[in-house]
Amino acid sequence: MATLLQVLEDSNDIFDVLPKYQRDTIEALLNQGKSNEEVAEIWLSANGPSNTFPFGAENKKNTFLDKLENELQDFICNEEKYVEERKQVIEKCKAGSLVGITSLTAFIAPIIGTAPSLILPVIVLILNSALKIGVNAWCSYKLEEK
């Protein structure tokens, strides 16, 4: 069975799943030289709750982004978690990346307690990073981060 990222590799441009206003904003930030992760942090801080840092926290990586990345990593890399959901998303990806990525977003959103529309651009950015370096390298890198 093909992996989720193998199916997505066949799509022309992963950013095409985003509405034009989101795609334009993200592409503008990427064209400024920002990384996918930096753009994801900007996106979440611009659209998310204003007081998400705990008392006394320094300016560190957004914990919400950490949780989202961990859940997405589990979805893609952990063969024991999300087994049925992964199969459904892969089948939907074969029908078109838009359907597959929005399905993936719909599975993850309730787990981290947010609306799919907020995290769709971030999921696209994370998947784009994973596609650039390859699924095995991305999964290994994410496991080392934990």
Protein backbone atom coordinates (compact mmCIF):
# COMPACT_ATOMS: atom_id res chain seq x y z
CA MET A 1 0.00 0.00 0.00
CA ALA A 2 1.26 3.47 -0.85
CA THR A 3 2.05 5.87 1.96
CA LEU A 4 0.28 9.19 2.32
CA LEU A 5 3.31 11.17 1.19
CA GLN A 6 3.89 8.88 -1.81
CA VAL A 7 0.36 9.63 -2.96
CA LEU A 8 0.85 13.36 -2.36
CA GLU A 9 4.14 13.36 -4.28
CA ASP A 10 2.10 12.72 -7.41
CA SER A 11 0.15 15.94 -6.98
CA ASN A 12 1.35 18.96 -8.94
CA ASP A 13 1.39 21.55 -6.18
CA ILE A 14 0.34 20.79 -2.65
CA PHE A 15 -0.50 24.47 -2.08
CA ASP A 16 -3.31 24.21 -4.65
CA VAL A 17 -5.53 22.69 -1.94
CA LEU A 18 -5.65 26.06 -0.18
CA PRO A 19 -8.12 28.81 -0.98
CA LYS A 20 -6.50 31.56 -3.03
CA TYR A 21 -6.31 34.10 -0.19
CA GLN A 22 -4.48 31.59 2.04
CA ARG A 23 -2.21 30.40 -0.78
CA ASP A 24 -1.29 33.99 -1.73
CA THR A 25 -0.42 34.90 1.86
CA ILE A 26 1.68 31.78 2.39
CA GLU A 27 3.47 32.06 -0.95
CA ALA A 28 4.30 35.72 -0.22
CA LEU A 29 5.88 34.73 3.11
CA LEU A 30 7.80 31.86 1.52
CA ASN A 31 9.02 34.20 -1.24
CA GLN A 32 10.44 36.44 1.49
CA GLY A 33 12.77 33.57 2.39
CA LYS A 34 10.87 32.26 5.39
CA SER A 35 10.85 28.52 6.02
CA ASN A 36 7.71 26.41 6.09
CA GLU A 37 7.97 26.25 9.89
CA GLU A 38 8.36 30.03 10.23
CA VAL A 39 5.33 30.59 8.00
CA ALA A 40 3.33 28.05 10.06
CA GLU A 41 4.21 29.91 13.26
CA ILE A 42 3.23 33.24 11.68
CA TRP A 43 -0.04 31.76 10.46
CA LEU A 44 -0.97 30.38 13.86
CA SER A 45 0.01 33.51 15.75
CA ALA A 46 -1.98 35.69 13.34
CA ASN A 47 -5.11 33.54 13.51
CA GLY A 48 -4.91 31.88 16.91
CA PRO A 49 -5.76 32.98 20.41
CA SER A 50 -3.75 35.91 21.70
CA ASN A 51 -2.74 34.49 25.11
CA THR A 52 -1.37 31.05 24.31
CA PHE A 53 1.94 31.31 26.18
CA PRO A 54 2.11 30.17 29.80
CA PHE A 55 3.18 32.63 32.51
CA GLY A 56 6.87 33.44 32.41
CA ALA A 57 7.41 31.90 29.01
CA GLU A 58 10.06 33.25 26.76
CA ASN A 59 9.52 33.70 23.07
CA LYS A 60 9.72 30.05 22.08
CA LYS A 61 8.14 27.84 19.49
CA ASN A 62 4.36 27.76 19.65
CA THR A 63 3.25 24.74 21.73
CA PHE A 64 0.11 24.44 19.61
CA LEU A 65 2.32 24.01 16.53
CA ASP A 66 4.33 21.37 18.41
CA LYS A 67 1.15 19.43 19.21
CA LEU A 68 -0.04 19.68 15.60
CA GLU A 69 3.33 18.52 14.25
CA ASN A 70 3.39 15.60 16.71
CA GLU A 71 -0.11 14.49 15.73
CA LEU A 72 0.69 14.76 12.02
CA GLN A 73 3.91 12.83 12.57
CA ASP A 74 1.90 10.10 14.32
CA PHE A 75 -0.55 10.07 11.44
CA ILE A 76 2.20 9.67 8.84
CA CYS A 77 4.93 7.74 10.65
CA ASN A 78 3.33 5.69 13.42
CA GLU A 79 2.08 2.47 11.87
CA GLU A 80 0.06 1.56 14.97
CA LYS A 81 -1.89 4.80 15.29
CA TYR A 82 -4.52 6.09 12.85
CA VAL A 83 -4.49 2.85 10.86
CA GLU A 84 -8.03 3.07 9.50
CA GLU A 85 -7.96 6.84 9.17
CA ARG A 86 -4.71 6.67 7.19
CA LYS A 87 -6.23 4.15 4.79
CA GLN A 88 -9.22 6.44 4.24
CA VAL A 89 -7.03 9.49 3.64
CA ILE A 90 -4.78 7.63 1.19
CA GLU A 91 -7.82 6.48 -0.79
CA LYS A 92 -9.18 10.02 -0.82
CA CYS A 93 -5.78 11.38 -1.88
CA LYS A 94 -5.88 9.08 -4.87
CA ALA A 95 -9.10 10.84 -5.85
CA GLY A 96 -7.36 14.20 -5.47
CA SER A 97 -5.00 15.85 -3.02
CA LEU A 98 -7.65 18.38 -1.95
CA VAL A 99 -9.98 15.67 -0.71
CA GLY A 100 -7.18 13.76 0.99
CA ILE A 101 -5.58 16.69 2.78
CA THR A 102 -8.90 18.11 3.95
CA SER A 103 -9.81 14.63 5.26
CA LEU A 104 -6.51 14.41 7.10
CA THR A 105 -7.14 17.86 8.57
CA ALA A 106 -10.64 16.82 9.62
CA PHE A 107 -9.25 13.78 11.48
CA ILE A 108 -6.57 15.76 13.35
CA ALA A 109 -8.48 18.98 14.18
CA PRO A 110 -10.71 17.55 16.95
CA ILE A 111 -7.76 15.77 18.56
CA ILE A 112 -5.91 19.04 19.06
CA GLY A 113 -9.11 20.99 19.71
CA THR A 114 -9.33 23.38 16.79
CA ALA A 115 -11.19 24.07 13.57
CA PRO A 116 -9.93 22.39 10.41
CA SER A 117 -9.94 25.71 8.56
CA LEU A 118 -7.36 27.15 10.97
CA ILE A 119 -4.87 24.31 10.61
CA LEU A 120 -5.27 23.40 6.93
CA PRO A 121 -2.55 25.85 5.80
CA VAL A 122 -0.22 24.64 8.56
CA ILE A 123 -0.77 21.01 7.61
CA VAL A 124 0.01 21.86 3.99
CA LEU A 125 3.23 23.59 5.09
CA ILE A 126 4.26 20.61 7.24
CA LEU A 127 3.45 18.14 4.46
CA ASN A 128 5.40 20.29 2.01
CA SER A 129 8.46 20.07 4.30
CA ALA A 130 8.06 16.31 4.56
CA LEU A 131 7.72 15.99 0.78
CA LYS A 132 10.90 18.00 0.22
CA ILE A 133 13.09 15.78 2.39
CA GLY A 134 11.28 12.46 2.03
CA VAL A 135 9.03 10.61 4.42
CA ASN A 136 11.72 8.46 6.06
CA ALA A 137 14.04 11.40 6.69
CA TRP A 138 11.15 13.55 7.96
CA CYS A 139 9.90 10.83 10.32
CA SER A 140 13.42 10.22 11.66
CA TYR A 141 13.99 13.94 12.16
CA LYS A 142 10.68 14.33 14.02
CA LEU A 143 11.42 11.34 16.27
CA GLU A 144 14.79 12.87 17.20
CA GLU A 145 13.06 16.16 18.10
CA LYS A 146 10.75 14.49 20.64
